[in-house]
Structure formats: C-alpha cells, structure tokens
Amino acid sequence: MGAHAVPDRGRFRQVLSEMAAKAKAKLPESTGRIDKAVALMLAGDVAGPDSEGLWLVGSCSDPLVTHRVSGTSCSCDDSQNTRAPRGLCKHVLSVMLTVRVREVLESEAPTQAPSVQAHALPEMPASINFKAVHAGFEVQVTLRDTDEHRLLDRLAALLKARTDIRPVPKPAPRPQGQWRQRK
C-alpha cells in the first residue's frame, strides 16, 4: 500500500500534525490510537478508497494483515469487540485523518500543477517535423511557430548554424524490374 502522492511532503506532515492535534482535543480518550493512526499514515499503510468506498489499512502488529475499513467499521479485533472508544480504532482513525488531510491539501492545491502550466505548449498553427542525423543518431526534430514564413526562416537558420545536424541519408534506389528471390 503506497502513501497518497503529495507534492510537498513537509506540508503533508504539517497538516497531519495539525489534524492529529485537533483529533486528540476532541477525543482525549483516543490519544494513543491517534498516535498509532499517524504512524500508519506516515508508513504509507493507508490506501483507498476503492470504487466501493472501502479502505485498506495495514496492521501494526502483523505485517501480513490488512484491515478493511468502511465508514467507522473496521475488521480489526479492537473495533469488532468494541474495545475502542466510540468504536474508533487506530485503523478507522487513520482513514479519518487521511480524508481530512487530503481535503486540506486539495483545497490548497492550484487547479493545475505548476510544472504542467510552465511546460504546456500551446497549439501552433505552423509546424515542421523532420528526421535528421545528430551526433550519429537519427532524431526527430519538431519546430513550431505562429507563422509559416517565420518557421521556414527559423529552419533555414537552424540548418545553417548547426552543421552537426544533417538530413537522414536516403536509401539507394532499387533497380526497377529486379526482384529478390527467396530460396
């Protein structure tokens, strides 16, 4: 089970700490379970929800056991035997904290990732795509511009300035009428 992808791990930890403090203030009888829920989250042992709203949370005591959490119901003994105050075991609490942390981080996130905005290329009305040889490798080169004439001028300037870029050699023409026979 992987941790929920967060662009800034430091901010994730800060929000998690704030949410855990609020949970401890509301549920002082569950302080130890909240600490264990935080540990589960930091270990990346909280995954979900799936298409049916089910969460999977790793066990703290057995690395081969995964508990199923749905709402405030968990498959662990602590929840099933109603030992956890208000039925909130560490697995349920980890899901509750995960949901709240995600909500806070998503509300802070820009609508589009900055790296996508910075590198997005607008559609250009003119483009040239050609194969060339560069440093012994056949490469695909694409030039884009807003004007065809300016684009062709850029292509000419590129090929003049960069003598290390040359056209891909054309294969030798096959003589007409000769067919290679298979043996």
N, C-alpha and C. Protein backbone atom coordinates (compact mmCIF):
# COMPACT_ATOMS: atom_id res chain seq x y z
N MET A 1 0.84 -1.18 0.00
CA MET A 1 0.00 0.00 0.00
C MET A 1 0.88 1.23 0.00
N GLY A 2 0.75 2.06 -1.01
CA GLY A 2 1.58 3.24 -1.09
C GLY A 2 0.93 4.43 -0.44
N ALA A 3 1.76 5.38 -0.03
CA ALA A 3 1.24 6.61 0.54
C ALA A 3 0.58 7.43 -0.54
N HIS A 4 -0.39 8.22 -0.14
CA HIS A 4 -1.07 9.11 -1.09
C HIS A 4 -0.04 10.10 -1.61
N ALA A 5 0.03 10.28 -2.92
CA ALA A 5 1.02 11.17 -3.51
C ALA A 5 0.75 12.61 -3.09
N VAL A 6 1.74 13.24 -2.51
CA VAL A 6 1.63 14.62 -2.07
C VAL A 6 2.82 15.38 -2.63
N PRO A 7 2.56 16.52 -3.30
CA PRO A 7 3.67 17.24 -3.91
C PRO A 7 4.70 17.73 -2.90
N ASP A 8 4.26 18.10 -1.66
CA ASP A 8 5.16 18.64 -0.67
C ASP A 8 5.03 17.81 0.61
N ARG A 9 5.97 16.93 0.82
CA ARG A 9 5.91 16.02 1.98
C ARG A 9 5.93 16.80 3.29
N GLY A 10 6.68 17.90 3.33
CA GLY A 10 6.73 18.72 4.54
C GLY A 10 5.37 19.30 4.88
N ARG A 11 4.66 19.77 3.88
CA ARG A 11 3.31 20.32 4.12
C ARG A 11 2.37 19.21 4.56
N PHE A 12 2.48 18.04 3.95
CA PHE A 12 1.67 16.89 4.34
C PHE A 12 1.86 16.60 5.83
N ARG A 13 3.11 16.55 6.28
CA ARG A 13 3.40 16.24 7.68
C ARG A 13 2.87 17.33 8.60
N GLN A 14 2.97 18.58 8.17
CA GLN A 14 2.47 19.70 8.97
C GLN A 14 0.95 19.61 9.15
N VAL A 15 0.24 19.38 8.03
CA VAL A 15 -1.23 19.27 8.10
C VAL A 15 -1.62 18.06 8.93
N LEU A 16 -0.91 16.94 8.76
CA LEU A 16 -1.20 15.74 9.54
C LEU A 16 -1.03 16.03 11.03
N SER A 17 0.01 16.73 11.41
CA SER A 17 0.24 17.07 12.81
C SER A 17 -0.90 17.94 13.35
N GLU A 18 -1.33 18.92 12.56
CA GLU A 18 -2.44 19.79 12.97
C GLU A 18 -3.74 18.99 13.14
N MET A 19 -4.02 18.09 12.19
CA MET A 19 -5.25 17.31 12.26
C MET A 19 -5.21 16.33 13.44
N ALA A 20 -4.03 15.77 13.72
CA ALA A 20 -3.89 14.85 14.85
C ALA A 20 -4.11 15.60 16.17
N ALA A 21 -3.59 16.81 16.26
CA ALA A 21 -3.78 17.61 17.48
C ALA A 21 -5.26 17.92 17.69
N LYS A 22 -5.96 18.26 16.62
CA LYS A 22 -7.40 18.54 16.72
C LYS A 22 -8.16 17.28 17.14
N ALA A 23 -7.77 16.13 16.57
CA ALA A 23 -8.43 14.87 16.91
C ALA A 23 -8.21 14.54 18.38
N LYS A 24 -6.99 14.76 18.89
CA LYS A 24 -6.70 14.49 20.29
C LYS A 24 -7.50 15.40 21.22
N ALA A 25 -7.73 16.64 20.79
CA ALA A 25 -8.52 17.57 21.60
C ALA A 25 -9.98 17.12 21.66
N LYS A 26 -10.49 16.57 20.56
CA LYS A 26 -11.89 16.12 20.51
C LYS A 26 -12.06 14.73 21.13
N LEU A 27 -11.02 13.93 21.04
CA LEU A 27 -11.09 12.53 21.51
C LEU A 27 -9.93 12.23 22.46
N PRO A 28 -9.88 12.87 23.63
CA PRO A 28 -8.73 12.67 24.52
C PRO A 28 -8.56 11.21 24.96
N GLU A 29 -9.64 10.45 24.99
CA GLU A 29 -9.55 9.04 25.37
C GLU A 29 -8.89 8.19 24.28
N SER A 30 -8.68 8.76 23.09
CA SER A 30 -8.10 8.01 21.97
C SER A 30 -6.72 8.51 21.58
N THR A 31 -6.04 9.22 22.45
CA THR A 31 -4.74 9.81 22.13
C THR A 31 -3.75 8.76 21.62
N GLY A 32 -3.65 7.63 22.30
CA GLY A 32 -2.72 6.57 21.87
C GLY A 32 -3.09 6.01 20.51
N ARG A 33 -4.37 5.82 20.26
CA ARG A 33 -4.82 5.31 18.96
C ARG A 33 -4.57 6.33 17.86
N ILE A 34 -4.72 7.60 18.18
CA ILE A 34 -4.44 8.65 17.18
C ILE A 34 -2.96 8.66 16.83
N ASP A 35 -2.09 8.51 17.83
CA ASP A 35 -0.65 8.43 17.55
C ASP A 35 -0.33 7.25 16.65
N LYS A 36 -0.98 6.11 16.91
CA LYS A 36 -0.75 4.93 16.06
C LYS A 36 -1.33 5.14 14.66
N ALA A 37 -2.44 5.86 14.55
CA ALA A 37 -3.03 6.17 13.25
C ALA A 37 -2.08 7.05 12.44
N VAL A 38 -1.46 8.01 13.11
CA VAL A 38 -0.47 8.88 12.44
C VAL A 38 0.71 8.04 11.95
N ALA A 39 1.17 7.11 12.78
CA ALA A 39 2.28 6.24 12.38
C ALA A 39 1.91 5.40 11.16
N LEU A 40 0.67 4.90 11.11
CA LEU A 40 0.21 4.15 9.93
C LEU A 40 0.25 5.02 8.68
N MET A 41 -0.19 6.25 8.82
CA MET A 41 -0.20 7.16 7.67
C MET A 41 1.23 7.46 7.20
N LEU A 42 2.11 7.75 8.14
CA LEU A 42 3.49 8.07 7.77
C LEU A 42 4.20 6.88 7.14
N ALA A 43 3.78 5.68 7.52
CA ALA A 43 4.36 4.46 6.94
C ALA A 43 3.76 4.13 5.57
N GLY A 44 2.73 4.88 5.17
CA GLY A 44 2.10 4.61 3.87
C GLY A 44 1.19 3.40 3.90
N ASP A 45 0.66 3.07 5.08
CA ASP A 45 -0.18 1.88 5.23
C ASP A 45 -1.67 2.15 5.16
N VAL A 46 -2.05 3.27 4.56
CA VAL A 46 -3.47 3.60 4.41
C VAL A 46 -3.72 3.78 2.91
N ALA A 47 -4.60 2.95 2.35
CA ALA A 47 -4.88 3.03 0.91
C ALA A 47 -6.38 3.06 0.67
N GLY A 48 -6.79 3.90 -0.23
CA GLY A 48 -8.21 3.94 -0.58
C GLY A 48 -8.66 5.34 -0.85
N PRO A 49 -9.91 5.48 -1.05
CA PRO A 49 -10.92 4.43 -1.07
C PRO A 49 -10.97 3.76 -2.45
N ASP A 50 -11.48 2.53 -2.48
CA ASP A 50 -11.68 1.86 -3.76
C ASP A 50 -13.03 2.29 -4.32
N SER A 51 -13.47 1.68 -5.39
CA SER A 51 -14.71 2.09 -6.06
C SER A 51 -15.94 1.90 -5.18
N GLU A 52 -15.82 1.06 -4.16
CA GLU A 52 -16.95 0.82 -3.26
C GLU A 52 -16.81 1.56 -1.93
N GLY A 53 -15.80 2.44 -1.83
CA GLY A 53 -15.59 3.21 -0.62
C GLY A 53 -14.83 2.49 0.46
N LEU A 54 -14.24 1.34 0.14
CA LEU A 54 -13.50 0.53 1.11
C LEU A 54 -12.05 1.00 1.19
N TRP A 55 -11.54 1.08 2.40
CA TRP A 55 -10.15 1.45 2.65
C TRP A 55 -9.41 0.22 3.15
N LEU A 56 -8.13 0.14 2.84
CA LEU A 56 -7.26 -0.93 3.34
C LEU A 56 -6.19 -0.30 4.20
N VAL A 57 -6.07 -0.79 5.44
CA VAL A 57 -5.11 -0.23 6.39
C VAL A 57 -4.28 -1.37 6.95
N GLY A 58 -2.96 -1.23 6.89
CA GLY A 58 -2.07 -2.26 7.40
C GLY A 58 -2.17 -2.42 8.90
N SER A 59 -1.89 -3.63 9.34
CA SER A 59 -1.88 -3.93 10.77
C SER A 59 -0.57 -3.45 11.37
N CYS A 60 -0.62 -2.95 12.59
CA CYS A 60 0.61 -2.54 13.29
C CYS A 60 1.35 -3.74 13.89
N SER A 61 0.62 -4.83 14.15
CA SER A 61 1.23 -5.97 14.82
C SER A 61 1.62 -7.11 13.89
N ASP A 62 0.98 -7.21 12.72
CA ASP A 62 1.28 -8.30 11.79
C ASP A 62 1.44 -7.72 10.38
N PRO A 63 2.64 -7.75 9.84
CA PRO A 63 2.87 -7.15 8.52
C PRO A 63 2.12 -7.84 7.38
N LEU A 64 1.59 -9.03 7.62
CA LEU A 64 0.87 -9.74 6.58
C LEU A 64 -0.64 -9.53 6.64
N VAL A 65 -1.10 -8.71 7.59
CA VAL A 65 -2.54 -8.50 7.77
C VAL A 65 -2.90 -7.08 7.33
N THR A 66 -3.99 -7.00 6.59
CA THR A 66 -4.55 -5.72 6.17
C THR A 66 -6.00 -5.68 6.62
N HIS A 67 -6.36 -4.61 7.29
CA HIS A 67 -7.74 -4.46 7.78
C HIS A 67 -8.56 -3.66 6.78
N ARG A 68 -9.84 -4.02 6.69
CA ARG A 68 -10.78 -3.34 5.80
C ARG A 68 -11.59 -2.35 6.63
N VAL A 69 -11.61 -1.10 6.17
CA VAL A 69 -12.34 -0.05 6.87
C VAL A 69 -13.40 0.50 5.93
N SER A 70 -14.62 0.55 6.45
CA SER A 70 -15.74 1.14 5.72
C SER A 70 -16.50 2.03 6.70
N GLY A 71 -16.44 3.33 6.45
CA GLY A 71 -17.06 4.27 7.39
C GLY A 71 -16.35 4.19 8.72
N THR A 72 -17.09 3.88 9.80
CA THR A 72 -16.47 3.74 11.12
C THR A 72 -16.41 2.28 11.54
N SER A 73 -16.48 1.39 10.58
CA SER A 73 -16.41 -0.05 10.85
C SER A 73 -15.08 -0.59 10.33
N CYS A 74 -14.43 -1.39 11.16
CA CYS A 74 -13.14 -1.98 10.78
C CYS A 74 -13.15 -3.46 11.09
N SER A 75 -12.36 -4.21 10.36
CA SER A 75 -12.30 -5.67 10.55
C SER A 75 -11.39 -6.08 11.71
N CYS A 76 -10.72 -5.13 12.38
CA CYS A 76 -9.80 -5.49 13.46
C CYS A 76 -10.55 -5.89 14.73
N ASP A 77 -9.86 -6.60 15.63
CA ASP A 77 -10.45 -7.04 16.89
C ASP A 77 -10.87 -5.86 17.77
N ASP A 78 -10.06 -4.80 17.76
CA ASP A 78 -10.35 -3.63 18.59
C ASP A 78 -11.71 -3.03 18.24
N SER A 79 -12.00 -3.00 16.97
CA SER A 79 -13.29 -2.45 16.52
C SER A 79 -14.40 -3.47 16.68
N GLN A 80 -14.13 -4.71 16.33
CA GLN A 80 -15.16 -5.75 16.37
C GLN A 80 -15.61 -6.06 17.80
N ASN A 81 -14.69 -5.97 18.75
CA ASN A 81 -15.01 -6.27 20.14
C ASN A 81 -15.38 -5.01 20.93
N THR A 82 -15.57 -3.93 20.22
CA THR A 82 -15.96 -2.62 20.80
C THR A 82 -15.09 -2.19 21.96
N ARG A 83 -13.79 -2.49 21.88
CA ARG A 83 -12.85 -2.01 22.91
C ARG A 83 -12.47 -0.56 22.65
N ALA A 84 -12.48 -0.17 21.37
CA ALA A 84 -12.09 1.20 21.03
C ALA A 84 -13.19 2.17 21.43
N PRO A 85 -12.83 3.27 22.11
CA PRO A 85 -13.85 4.26 22.48
C PRO A 85 -14.58 4.77 21.23
N ARG A 86 -15.89 4.79 21.31
CA ARG A 86 -16.77 5.20 20.21
C ARG A 86 -16.59 4.32 18.98
N GLY A 87 -15.94 3.18 19.13
CA GLY A 87 -15.70 2.27 18.02
C GLY A 87 -14.62 2.75 17.06
N LEU A 88 -13.84 3.75 17.50
CA LEU A 88 -12.82 4.34 16.63
C LEU A 88 -11.45 3.73 16.91
N CYS A 89 -11.16 2.64 16.22
CA CYS A 89 -9.84 2.02 16.34
C CYS A 89 -8.81 2.85 15.57
N LYS A 90 -7.54 2.48 15.69
CA LYS A 90 -6.47 3.23 15.02
C LYS A 90 -6.63 3.18 13.50
N HIS A 91 -7.22 2.10 12.97
CA HIS A 91 -7.39 1.97 11.52
C HIS A 91 -8.46 2.95 11.02
N VAL A 92 -9.57 3.02 11.73
CA VAL A 92 -10.63 3.97 11.38
C VAL A 92 -10.12 5.40 11.53
N LEU A 93 -9.40 5.65 12.63
CA LEU A 93 -8.85 6.99 12.85
C LEU A 93 -7.85 7.37 11.75
N SER A 94 -7.06 6.41 11.28
CA SER A 94 -6.10 6.71 10.20
C SER A 94 -6.83 7.08 8.92
N VAL A 95 -7.95 6.43 8.65
CA VAL A 95 -8.74 6.77 7.46
C VAL A 95 -9.35 8.15 7.63
N MET A 96 -9.89 8.43 8.82
CA MET A 96 -10.49 9.74 9.07
C MET A 96 -9.45 10.85 8.91
N LEU A 97 -8.26 10.63 9.46
CA LEU A 97 -7.19 11.62 9.33
C LEU A 97 -6.75 11.77 7.87
N THR A 98 -6.64 10.65 7.16
CA THR A 98 -6.24 10.69 5.75
C THR A 98 -7.23 11.52 4.94
N VAL A 99 -8.51 11.28 5.15
CA VAL A 99 -9.54 12.02 4.41
C VAL A 99 -9.41 13.51 4.70
N ARG A 100 -9.26 13.86 5.97
CA ARG A 100 -9.19 15.28 6.34
C ARG A 100 -7.92 15.93 5.79
N VAL A 101 -6.79 15.25 5.88
CA VAL A 101 -5.53 15.80 5.36
C VAL A 101 -5.63 16.01 3.85
N ARG A 102 -6.20 15.04 3.15
CA ARG A 102 -6.37 15.18 1.70
C ARG A 102 -7.25 16.37 1.36
N GLU A 103 -8.33 16.54 2.12
CA GLU A 103 -9.23 17.67 1.87
C GLU A 103 -8.49 19.00 2.01
N VAL A 104 -7.71 19.13 3.08
CA VAL A 104 -6.97 20.36 3.32
C VAL A 104 -5.95 20.60 2.19
N LEU A 105 -5.18 19.58 1.85
CA LEU A 105 -4.16 19.74 0.81
C LEU A 105 -4.78 20.03 -0.55
N GLU A 106 -5.88 19.35 -0.87
CA GLU A 106 -6.52 19.60 -2.17
C GLU A 106 -7.12 21.00 -2.23
N SER A 107 -7.58 21.53 -1.11
CA SER A 107 -8.13 22.88 -1.11
C SER A 107 -7.03 23.92 -1.30
N GLU A 108 -5.81 23.59 -0.92
CA GLU A 108 -4.68 24.50 -1.08
C GLU A 108 -4.01 24.38 -2.44
N ALA A 109 -4.22 23.26 -3.10
CA ALA A 109 -3.52 22.99 -4.37
C ALA A 109 -4.06 23.87 -5.48
N PRO A 110 -3.18 24.34 -6.36
CA PRO A 110 -3.66 25.08 -7.54
C PRO A 110 -4.48 24.14 -8.43
N THR A 111 -5.33 24.71 -9.25
CA THR A 111 -6.20 23.89 -10.09
C THR A 111 -5.40 23.06 -11.07
N GLN A 112 -4.23 23.51 -11.48
CA GLN A 112 -3.38 22.75 -12.38
C GLN A 112 -1.97 22.80 -11.82
N ALA A 113 -1.26 21.70 -11.87
CA ALA A 113 0.09 21.65 -11.32
C ALA A 113 0.98 22.67 -12.00
N PRO A 114 1.80 23.40 -11.23
CA PRO A 114 2.66 24.43 -11.83
C PRO A 114 3.58 23.89 -12.91
N SER A 115 4.12 22.67 -12.73
CA SER A 115 5.03 22.13 -13.73
C SER A 115 4.30 21.92 -15.06
N VAL A 116 3.02 21.59 -15.01
CA VAL A 116 2.25 21.41 -16.25
C VAL A 116 2.02 22.76 -16.90
N GLN A 117 1.68 23.77 -16.11
CA GLN A 117 1.45 25.10 -16.66
C GLN A 117 2.72 25.66 -17.28
N ALA A 118 3.86 25.47 -16.61
CA ALA A 118 5.10 26.04 -17.09
C ALA A 118 5.57 25.39 -18.38
N HIS A 119 5.28 24.11 -18.59
CA HIS A 119 5.80 23.41 -19.75
C HIS A 119 4.76 23.13 -20.82
N ALA A 120 3.53 23.55 -20.61
CA ALA A 120 2.50 23.28 -21.60
C ALA A 120 2.78 24.10 -22.84
N LEU A 121 2.68 23.48 -23.99
CA LEU A 121 2.90 24.18 -25.25
C LEU A 121 1.55 24.44 -25.91
N PRO A 122 1.29 25.70 -26.23
CA PRO A 122 0.03 25.97 -26.92
C PRO A 122 0.08 25.40 -28.33
N GLU A 123 -1.08 25.12 -28.87
CA GLU A 123 -1.15 24.60 -30.23
C GLU A 123 -0.69 25.70 -31.18
N MET A 124 0.20 25.38 -32.08
CA MET A 124 0.73 26.35 -33.03
C MET A 124 0.15 26.08 -34.42
N PRO A 125 -0.16 27.14 -35.15
CA PRO A 125 -0.74 26.94 -36.47
C PRO A 125 0.26 26.44 -37.51
N ALA A 126 1.57 26.59 -37.23
CA ALA A 126 2.57 26.15 -38.20
C ALA A 126 3.58 25.26 -37.49
N SER A 127 3.89 24.11 -38.11
CA SER A 127 4.91 23.24 -37.53
C SER A 127 5.60 22.46 -38.64
N ILE A 128 6.84 22.10 -38.35
CA ILE A 128 7.64 21.26 -39.27
C ILE A 128 8.18 20.11 -38.42
N ASN A 129 8.07 18.92 -38.97
CA ASN A 129 8.55 17.74 -38.30
C ASN A 129 9.43 16.99 -39.30
N PHE A 130 10.71 16.78 -38.97
CA PHE A 130 11.58 16.10 -39.92
C PHE A 130 12.60 15.24 -39.18
N LYS A 131 13.15 14.26 -39.92
CA LYS A 131 14.19 13.41 -39.37
C LYS A 131 15.53 13.97 -39.78
N ALA A 132 16.48 13.86 -38.84
CA ALA A 132 17.84 14.35 -39.11
C ALA A 132 18.81 13.43 -38.40
N VAL A 133 20.09 13.58 -38.73
CA VAL A 133 21.15 12.85 -38.04
C VAL A 133 21.89 13.86 -37.18
N HIS A 134 22.00 13.54 -35.90
CA HIS A 134 22.71 14.40 -34.96
C HIS A 134 23.56 13.51 -34.07
N ALA A 135 24.85 13.78 -34.02
CA ALA A 135 25.80 13.02 -33.21
C ALA A 135 25.72 11.52 -33.51
N GLY A 136 25.48 11.19 -34.77
CA GLY A 136 25.44 9.79 -35.19
C GLY A 136 24.10 9.11 -34.96
N PHE A 137 23.12 9.83 -34.44
CA PHE A 137 21.81 9.25 -34.17
C PHE A 137 20.75 9.87 -35.08
N GLU A 138 19.82 9.03 -35.49
CA GLU A 138 18.68 9.54 -36.23
C GLU A 138 17.69 10.07 -35.21
N VAL A 139 17.32 11.36 -35.38
CA VAL A 139 16.42 12.00 -34.42
C VAL A 139 15.25 12.64 -35.16
N GLN A 140 14.18 12.86 -34.42
CA GLN A 140 13.00 13.54 -34.94
C GLN A 140 13.06 14.97 -34.41
N VAL A 141 12.97 15.95 -35.29
CA VAL A 141 13.02 17.36 -34.91
C VAL A 141 11.68 18.00 -35.24
N THR A 142 11.13 18.74 -34.28
CA THR A 142 9.88 19.45 -34.50
C THR A 142 10.09 20.91 -34.18
N LEU A 143 9.72 21.77 -35.11
CA LEU A 143 9.74 23.21 -34.89
C LEU A 143 8.31 23.70 -35.00
N ARG A 144 7.93 24.63 -34.11
CA ARG A 144 6.59 25.20 -34.14
C ARG A 144 6.68 26.71 -34.13
N ASP A 145 5.71 27.34 -34.77
CA ASP A 145 5.66 28.79 -34.78
C ASP A 145 4.25 29.25 -35.10
N THR A 146 4.05 30.55 -35.02
CA THR A 146 2.73 31.10 -35.32
C THR A 146 2.59 31.48 -36.78
N ASP A 147 3.70 31.46 -37.53
CA ASP A 147 3.68 31.90 -38.93
C ASP A 147 4.55 30.96 -39.77
N GLU A 148 4.03 30.51 -40.92
CA GLU A 148 4.78 29.57 -41.76
C GLU A 148 6.08 30.16 -42.28
N HIS A 149 6.05 31.42 -42.74
CA HIS A 149 7.27 32.03 -43.30
C HIS A 149 8.35 32.17 -42.23
N ARG A 150 7.96 32.60 -41.05
CA ARG A 150 8.93 32.72 -39.96
C ARG A 150 9.46 31.34 -39.58
N LEU A 151 8.61 30.34 -39.63
CA LEU A 151 9.02 28.97 -39.31
C LEU A 151 10.07 28.48 -40.31
N LEU A 152 9.84 28.71 -41.59
CA LEU A 152 10.81 28.29 -42.61
C LEU A 152 12.13 29.05 -42.46
N ASP A 153 12.05 30.32 -42.08
CA ASP A 153 13.27 31.09 -41.82
C ASP A 153 14.04 30.51 -40.63
N ARG A 154 13.31 30.12 -39.59
CA ARG A 154 13.95 29.50 -38.43
C ARG A 154 14.62 28.19 -38.80
N LEU A 155 13.95 27.39 -39.65
CA LEU A 155 14.52 26.13 -40.09
C LEU A 155 15.81 26.36 -40.87
N ALA A 156 15.78 27.31 -41.80
CA ALA A 156 16.99 27.62 -42.58
C ALA A 156 18.12 28.09 -41.68
N ALA A 157 17.81 28.93 -40.70
CA ALA A 157 18.83 29.44 -39.78
C ALA A 157 19.39 28.30 -38.93
N LEU A 158 18.53 27.40 -38.50
CA LEU A 158 18.98 26.26 -37.71
C LEU A 158 19.94 25.39 -38.50
N LEU A 159 19.55 25.05 -39.72
CA LEU A 159 20.40 24.16 -40.53
C LEU A 159 21.71 24.84 -40.94
N LYS A 160 21.69 26.16 -41.10
CA LYS A 160 22.91 26.89 -41.45
C LYS A 160 23.84 26.99 -40.24
N ALA A 161 23.28 27.26 -39.08
CA ALA A 161 24.09 27.44 -37.87
C ALA A 161 24.59 26.11 -37.30
N ARG A 162 23.84 25.06 -37.48
CA ARG A 162 24.18 23.77 -36.88
C ARG A 162 24.62 22.79 -37.97
N THR A 163 25.89 22.81 -38.27
CA THR A 163 26.40 21.90 -39.29
C THR A 163 26.43 20.45 -38.79
N ASP A 164 26.23 20.24 -37.49
CA ASP A 164 26.21 18.88 -36.95
C ASP A 164 24.84 18.22 -37.15
N ILE A 165 23.86 18.98 -37.65
CA ILE A 165 22.55 18.42 -37.95
C ILE A 165 22.45 18.32 -39.47
N ARG A 166 22.22 17.11 -39.95
CA ARG A 166 22.13 16.94 -41.40
C ARG A 166 20.97 16.01 -41.73
N PRO A 167 20.49 16.05 -42.95
CA PRO A 167 19.37 15.19 -43.33
C PRO A 167 19.73 13.71 -43.22
N VAL A 168 18.73 12.91 -42.98
CA VAL A 168 18.92 11.46 -42.96
C VAL A 168 19.21 11.03 -44.40
N PRO A 169 20.30 10.26 -44.61
CA PRO A 169 20.60 9.81 -45.99
C PRO A 169 19.46 8.95 -46.53
N LYS A 170 19.14 9.20 -47.79
CA LYS A 170 18.10 8.41 -48.43
C LYS A 170 18.69 7.08 -48.86
N PRO A 171 17.91 6.01 -48.77
CA PRO A 171 18.43 4.71 -49.21
C PRO A 171 18.64 4.71 -50.72
N ALA A 172 19.61 3.94 -51.16
CA ALA A 172 19.90 3.85 -52.60
C ALA A 172 18.69 3.26 -53.31
N PRO A 173 18.31 3.83 -54.45
CA PRO A 173 17.14 3.30 -55.15
C PRO A 173 17.41 1.89 -55.66
N ARG A 174 16.40 1.07 -55.61
CA ARG A 174 16.49 -0.29 -56.10
C ARG A 174 16.26 -0.29 -57.61
N PRO A 175 17.08 -1.01 -58.33
CA PRO A 175 16.86 -1.06 -59.77
C PRO A 175 15.48 -1.64 -60.08
N GLN A 176 14.79 -1.02 -61.02
CA GLN A 176 13.44 -1.46 -61.40
C GLN A 176 13.49 -2.81 -62.09
N GLY A 177 12.51 -3.60 -61.87
CA GLY A 177 12.38 -4.87 -62.57
C GLY A 177 13.14 -6.02 -61.94
N GLN A 178 13.96 -5.73 -60.94
CA GLN A 178 14.70 -6.81 -60.29
C GLN A 178 14.04 -7.12 -58.96
N TRP A 179 13.71 -8.36 -58.79
CA TRP A 179 13.10 -8.81 -57.58
C TRP A 179 14.01 -9.76 -56.88
N ARG A 180 14.07 -9.66 -55.63
CA ARG A 180 14.89 -10.55 -54.86
C ARG A 180 14.12 -11.86 -54.69
N GLN A 181 14.73 -12.95 -55.00
CA GLN A 181 14.07 -14.24 -54.90
C GLN A 181 14.44 -14.90 -53.58
N ARG A 182 13.44 -15.51 -53.01
CA ARG A 182 13.68 -16.23 -51.76
C ARG A 182 14.08 -17.65 -52.08
N LYS A 183 14.96 -18.17 -51.32
CA LYS A 183 15.42 -19.54 -51.54
C LYS A 183 14.64 -20.50 -50.71
